[in-house]
N, C-alpha and C. Protein backbone atom coordinates (compact mmCIF):
# COMPACT_ATOMS: atom_id res chain seq x y z
N MET A 1 110.40 73.47 44.87
CA MET A 1 110.80 73.84 46.20
C MET A 1 110.76 75.35 46.38
N LYS A 2 111.18 76.09 45.32
CA LYS A 2 111.18 77.55 45.40
C LYS A 2 109.76 78.08 45.54
N LYS A 3 108.81 77.44 44.85
CA LYS A 3 107.42 77.88 44.94
C LYS A 3 106.87 77.66 46.35
N LEU A 4 107.24 76.54 46.94
CA LEU A 4 106.79 76.25 48.30
C LEU A 4 107.36 77.26 49.28
N THR A 5 108.63 77.58 49.13
CA THR A 5 109.26 78.57 50.00
C THR A 5 108.60 79.94 49.84
N ALA A 6 108.36 80.33 48.60
CA ALA A 6 107.71 81.62 48.34
C ALA A 6 106.31 81.65 48.94
N LEU A 7 105.59 80.55 48.83
CA LEU A 7 104.24 80.46 49.38
C LEU A 7 104.27 80.59 50.90
N LEU A 8 105.22 79.93 51.55
CA LEU A 8 105.34 80.02 53.00
C LEU A 8 105.70 81.44 53.45
N VAL A 9 106.57 82.10 52.71
CA VAL A 9 106.94 83.48 53.04
C VAL A 9 105.73 84.39 52.91
N LEU A 10 104.97 84.25 51.84
CA LEU A 10 103.77 85.07 51.65
C LEU A 10 102.74 84.81 52.75
N ALA A 11 102.58 83.56 53.11
CA ALA A 11 101.64 83.23 54.19
C ALA A 11 102.07 83.87 55.49
N GLY A 12 103.35 83.86 55.76
CA GLY A 12 103.87 84.48 56.97
C GLY A 12 103.67 85.99 56.96
N LEU A 13 103.88 86.63 55.82
CA LEU A 13 103.68 88.07 55.72
C LEU A 13 102.22 88.45 55.88
N SER A 14 101.32 87.65 55.34
CA SER A 14 99.89 87.97 55.49
C SER A 14 99.47 87.84 56.94
N HIS A 15 100.06 86.90 57.68
CA HIS A 15 99.75 86.73 59.10
C HIS A 15 100.21 87.96 59.88
N VAL A 16 101.35 88.51 59.54
CA VAL A 16 101.86 89.71 60.21
C VAL A 16 100.91 90.87 59.97
N ALA A 17 100.40 91.02 58.76
CA ALA A 17 99.48 92.12 58.45
C ALA A 17 98.18 91.98 59.24
N VAL A 18 97.67 90.76 59.38
CA VAL A 18 96.44 90.53 60.13
C VAL A 18 96.65 90.81 61.61
N ALA A 19 97.83 90.51 62.12
CA ALA A 19 98.09 90.65 63.54
C ALA A 19 98.40 92.08 63.97
N ALA A 20 98.39 93.03 63.01
CA ALA A 20 98.68 94.42 63.35
C ALA A 20 97.69 94.92 64.39
N GLU A 21 98.21 95.61 65.37
CA GLU A 21 97.38 96.09 66.48
C GLU A 21 96.51 97.25 66.02
N VAL A 22 95.25 97.23 66.43
CA VAL A 22 94.33 98.32 66.15
C VAL A 22 94.60 99.41 67.18
N VAL A 23 94.76 100.63 66.72
CA VAL A 23 95.08 101.75 67.60
C VAL A 23 93.83 102.62 67.77
N GLY A 24 93.48 102.88 69.02
CA GLY A 24 92.29 103.68 69.31
C GLY A 24 92.49 105.16 68.99
N ASN A 25 91.41 105.80 68.55
CA ASN A 25 91.42 107.21 68.22
C ASN A 25 90.37 107.92 69.08
N VAL A 26 90.82 108.77 69.98
CA VAL A 26 89.94 109.46 70.93
C VAL A 26 88.91 110.32 70.18
N GLN A 27 89.35 111.01 69.14
CA GLN A 27 88.43 111.89 68.40
C GLN A 27 87.31 111.09 67.73
N ASN A 28 87.64 109.94 67.16
CA ASN A 28 86.62 109.11 66.52
C ASN A 28 85.65 108.52 67.53
N ALA A 29 86.10 108.34 68.75
CA ALA A 29 85.25 107.73 69.79
C ALA A 29 84.08 108.61 70.16
N LYS A 30 84.22 109.91 70.02
CA LYS A 30 83.18 110.83 70.46
C LYS A 30 81.84 110.55 69.77
N ALA A 31 81.87 109.99 68.59
CA ALA A 31 80.64 109.64 67.88
C ALA A 31 80.15 108.24 68.24
N LYS A 32 80.89 107.53 69.10
CA LYS A 32 80.57 106.13 69.41
C LYS A 32 80.19 105.90 70.86
N ILE A 33 80.32 106.90 71.72
CA ILE A 33 80.15 106.67 73.15
C ILE A 33 78.76 106.99 73.68
N GLU A 34 77.83 107.41 72.81
CA GLU A 34 76.50 107.77 73.30
C GLU A 34 75.86 106.65 74.10
N MET A 35 76.01 105.43 73.66
CA MET A 35 75.39 104.31 74.35
C MET A 35 76.10 103.98 75.67
N CYS A 36 77.32 104.44 75.84
CA CYS A 36 78.07 104.18 77.08
C CYS A 36 77.69 105.17 78.18
N ILE A 37 77.51 106.42 77.79
CA ILE A 37 77.28 107.49 78.75
C ILE A 37 76.03 107.25 79.59
N GLY A 38 75.00 106.68 78.98
CA GLY A 38 73.74 106.48 79.68
C GLY A 38 73.83 105.66 80.95
N CYS A 39 74.83 104.82 81.05
CA CYS A 39 75.02 104.01 82.27
C CYS A 39 76.34 104.35 82.96
N HIS A 40 77.42 104.38 82.19
CA HIS A 40 78.76 104.54 82.77
C HIS A 40 79.11 106.00 83.07
N GLY A 41 78.24 106.93 82.69
CA GLY A 41 78.51 108.33 82.95
C GLY A 41 77.74 108.90 84.12
N ILE A 42 77.01 108.06 84.84
CA ILE A 42 76.18 108.52 85.97
C ILE A 42 76.73 107.93 87.27
N PRO A 43 77.34 108.76 88.11
CA PRO A 43 77.88 108.24 89.37
C PRO A 43 76.79 107.55 90.21
N GLY A 44 77.10 106.36 90.69
CA GLY A 44 76.18 105.62 91.54
C GLY A 44 75.03 104.96 90.82
N TYR A 45 75.04 104.94 89.50
CA TYR A 45 73.93 104.38 88.73
C TYR A 45 73.85 102.86 88.92
N LYS A 46 72.62 102.37 89.04
CA LYS A 46 72.37 100.93 89.14
C LYS A 46 71.42 100.53 88.03
N ALA A 47 71.83 99.56 87.25
CA ALA A 47 70.98 99.02 86.19
C ALA A 47 70.07 97.95 86.81
N THR A 48 68.91 97.79 86.25
CA THR A 48 67.97 96.80 86.80
C THR A 48 67.67 95.68 85.82
N PHE A 49 68.48 95.49 84.81
CA PHE A 49 68.27 94.39 83.88
C PHE A 49 69.56 93.62 83.73
N PRO A 50 69.60 92.38 83.90
CA PRO A 50 68.53 91.46 84.31
C PRO A 50 68.29 91.45 85.81
N GLU A 51 69.18 92.06 86.58
CA GLU A 51 69.02 92.17 88.03
C GLU A 51 69.67 93.49 88.43
N VAL A 52 69.49 93.92 89.66
CA VAL A 52 70.11 95.17 90.10
C VAL A 52 71.63 94.99 90.07
N TYR A 53 72.29 95.88 89.39
CA TYR A 53 73.72 95.76 89.15
C TYR A 53 74.35 97.14 89.27
N GLN A 54 75.35 97.29 90.10
CA GLN A 54 76.07 98.55 90.24
C GLN A 54 76.93 98.75 89.00
N VAL A 55 76.66 99.80 88.24
CA VAL A 55 77.39 100.05 87.00
C VAL A 55 78.71 100.76 87.33
N PRO A 56 79.83 100.21 86.89
CA PRO A 56 81.12 100.84 87.20
C PRO A 56 81.36 102.12 86.40
N MET A 57 82.03 103.05 87.01
CA MET A 57 82.50 104.24 86.31
C MET A 57 83.78 103.81 85.59
N ILE A 58 83.85 104.06 84.29
CA ILE A 58 85.00 103.55 83.53
C ILE A 58 85.98 104.64 83.12
N GLY A 59 85.68 105.89 83.42
CA GLY A 59 86.61 106.97 83.13
C GLY A 59 87.92 106.76 83.88
N GLY A 60 89.03 106.85 83.16
CA GLY A 60 90.34 106.66 83.78
C GLY A 60 90.79 105.22 83.85
N GLN A 61 89.93 104.29 83.46
CA GLN A 61 90.31 102.88 83.45
C GLN A 61 91.30 102.65 82.31
N SER A 62 92.14 101.67 82.43
CA SER A 62 93.13 101.34 81.39
C SER A 62 92.44 100.94 80.08
N ALA A 63 92.98 101.45 78.97
CA ALA A 63 92.42 101.12 77.66
C ALA A 63 92.49 99.62 77.41
N LYS A 64 93.58 99.00 77.81
CA LYS A 64 93.76 97.56 77.62
C LYS A 64 92.67 96.78 78.36
N TYR A 65 92.35 97.21 79.57
CA TYR A 65 91.29 96.56 80.35
C TYR A 65 89.93 96.71 79.67
N ILE A 66 89.61 97.94 79.24
CA ILE A 66 88.32 98.19 78.59
C ILE A 66 88.20 97.38 77.31
N GLU A 67 89.26 97.36 76.52
CA GLU A 67 89.25 96.56 75.29
C GLU A 67 89.02 95.09 75.60
N GLY A 68 89.73 94.58 76.59
CA GLY A 68 89.57 93.17 76.97
C GLY A 68 88.16 92.85 77.45
N ALA A 69 87.60 93.75 78.24
CA ALA A 69 86.24 93.54 78.75
C ALA A 69 85.24 93.55 77.60
N LEU A 70 85.34 94.52 76.70
CA LEU A 70 84.41 94.58 75.57
C LEU A 70 84.55 93.38 74.64
N GLN A 71 85.78 92.94 74.42
CA GLN A 71 85.98 91.74 73.59
C GLN A 71 85.39 90.51 74.27
N ALA A 72 85.51 90.43 75.60
CA ALA A 72 84.95 89.29 76.34
C ALA A 72 83.42 89.30 76.28
N TYR A 73 82.81 90.49 76.37
CA TYR A 73 81.35 90.57 76.21
C TYR A 73 80.95 90.16 74.79
N LYS A 74 81.71 90.64 73.82
CA LYS A 74 81.42 90.34 72.40
C LYS A 74 81.47 88.83 72.13
N LYS A 75 82.45 88.15 72.74
CA LYS A 75 82.59 86.70 72.55
C LYS A 75 81.63 85.89 73.41
N GLY A 76 81.04 86.52 74.42
CA GLY A 76 80.15 85.80 75.32
C GLY A 76 80.84 85.27 76.56
N ASP A 77 82.13 85.61 76.74
CA ASP A 77 82.86 85.17 77.94
C ASP A 77 82.37 85.92 79.18
N ARG A 78 81.90 87.13 79.00
CA ARG A 78 81.23 87.88 80.07
C ARG A 78 79.74 87.85 79.74
N LYS A 79 78.90 87.77 80.75
CA LYS A 79 77.51 87.40 80.53
C LYS A 79 76.45 88.49 80.62
N HIS A 80 76.75 89.73 80.94
CA HIS A 80 75.70 90.74 81.07
C HIS A 80 75.03 90.96 79.71
N PRO A 81 73.72 90.70 79.59
CA PRO A 81 73.04 90.73 78.28
C PRO A 81 73.11 92.09 77.57
N SER A 82 72.94 93.17 78.30
CA SER A 82 72.99 94.50 77.65
C SER A 82 74.38 94.77 77.10
N MET A 83 75.40 94.49 77.90
CA MET A 83 76.77 94.72 77.45
C MET A 83 77.14 93.80 76.30
N LYS A 84 76.66 92.58 76.34
CA LYS A 84 76.94 91.65 75.24
C LYS A 84 76.35 92.18 73.93
N GLY A 85 75.12 92.68 74.00
CA GLY A 85 74.48 93.24 72.80
C GLY A 85 75.20 94.46 72.27
N ILE A 86 75.62 95.32 73.17
CA ILE A 86 76.34 96.52 72.75
C ILE A 86 77.69 96.15 72.16
N ALA A 87 78.44 95.31 72.85
CA ALA A 87 79.77 94.92 72.36
C ALA A 87 79.70 94.20 71.02
N ALA A 88 78.66 93.40 70.83
CA ALA A 88 78.52 92.67 69.57
C ALA A 88 78.34 93.62 68.38
N SER A 89 77.84 94.82 68.65
CA SER A 89 77.63 95.79 67.57
C SER A 89 78.88 96.60 67.24
N LEU A 90 79.95 96.41 68.01
CA LEU A 90 81.17 97.20 67.83
C LEU A 90 82.23 96.44 67.04
N SER A 91 82.90 97.14 66.15
CA SER A 91 84.06 96.56 65.45
C SER A 91 85.26 96.63 66.38
N ASP A 92 86.34 95.97 66.00
CA ASP A 92 87.57 96.05 66.79
C ASP A 92 88.06 97.50 66.86
N GLN A 93 87.91 98.26 65.77
CA GLN A 93 88.31 99.67 65.76
C GLN A 93 87.43 100.48 66.70
N ASP A 94 86.11 100.22 66.69
CA ASP A 94 85.20 100.91 67.61
C ASP A 94 85.62 100.67 69.06
N ILE A 95 85.91 99.42 69.38
CA ILE A 95 86.31 99.05 70.74
C ILE A 95 87.59 99.78 71.13
N ALA A 96 88.57 99.82 70.24
CA ALA A 96 89.83 100.50 70.53
C ALA A 96 89.60 102.01 70.71
N ASP A 97 88.72 102.59 69.91
CA ASP A 97 88.43 104.02 70.02
C ASP A 97 87.75 104.34 71.35
N VAL A 98 86.74 103.57 71.71
CA VAL A 98 86.02 103.78 72.97
C VAL A 98 86.97 103.60 74.16
N ALA A 99 87.81 102.58 74.10
CA ALA A 99 88.77 102.33 75.18
C ALA A 99 89.75 103.50 75.31
N ALA A 100 90.23 104.01 74.19
CA ALA A 100 91.16 105.15 74.22
C ALA A 100 90.48 106.38 74.82
N PHE A 101 89.22 106.60 74.47
CA PHE A 101 88.48 107.74 74.99
C PHE A 101 88.36 107.67 76.51
N TYR A 102 87.88 106.54 77.02
CA TYR A 102 87.68 106.42 78.46
C TYR A 102 88.99 106.37 79.24
N ALA A 103 90.04 105.86 78.64
CA ALA A 103 91.34 105.81 79.32
C ALA A 103 91.89 107.21 79.58
N GLN A 104 91.58 108.17 78.71
CA GLN A 104 92.11 109.51 78.89
C GLN A 104 91.19 110.39 79.76
N GLN A 105 90.07 109.84 80.21
CA GLN A 105 89.18 110.56 81.12
C GLN A 105 89.71 110.54 82.54
N THR A 106 89.18 111.42 83.37
CA THR A 106 89.55 111.45 84.78
C THR A 106 88.77 110.37 85.51
N ARG A 107 89.45 109.63 86.35
CA ARG A 107 88.79 108.60 87.15
C ARG A 107 87.85 109.28 88.13
N THR A 108 86.61 108.77 88.19
CA THR A 108 85.60 109.30 89.09
C THR A 108 85.34 108.27 90.18
N ALA A 109 85.39 108.71 91.41
CA ALA A 109 85.15 107.79 92.53
C ALA A 109 83.67 107.46 92.62
N ASP A 110 83.36 106.19 92.85
CA ASP A 110 81.98 105.77 93.07
C ASP A 110 81.56 106.20 94.46
N PRO A 111 80.37 106.82 94.58
CA PRO A 111 79.91 107.20 95.92
C PRO A 111 79.54 105.97 96.72
N LYS A 112 79.79 106.00 98.02
CA LYS A 112 79.49 104.85 98.88
C LYS A 112 78.25 105.12 99.69
């Protein structure tokens, strides 16, 4: 019985370690955002693959939102092929870093 209890306690502790939140690092993101700037850094930019799509400006967006969006692209829950490919190449730490970087940027208004 003691072995079973010890095993359950260890299993619970390992679950806590896995569930630790990944914290984004703005400085580390600077080496990871090159692929983002080409679309998300140009006011009024429209992508033409797979169809004409107004690319959102993500500066100033919430880190939690950006992380969620990138994770959804990575899992295939969001369907834009370019974003899915980019997100699939990112680790959870990369996603947190990129999200932290864009969250601390100034929000830019999209031109109408």
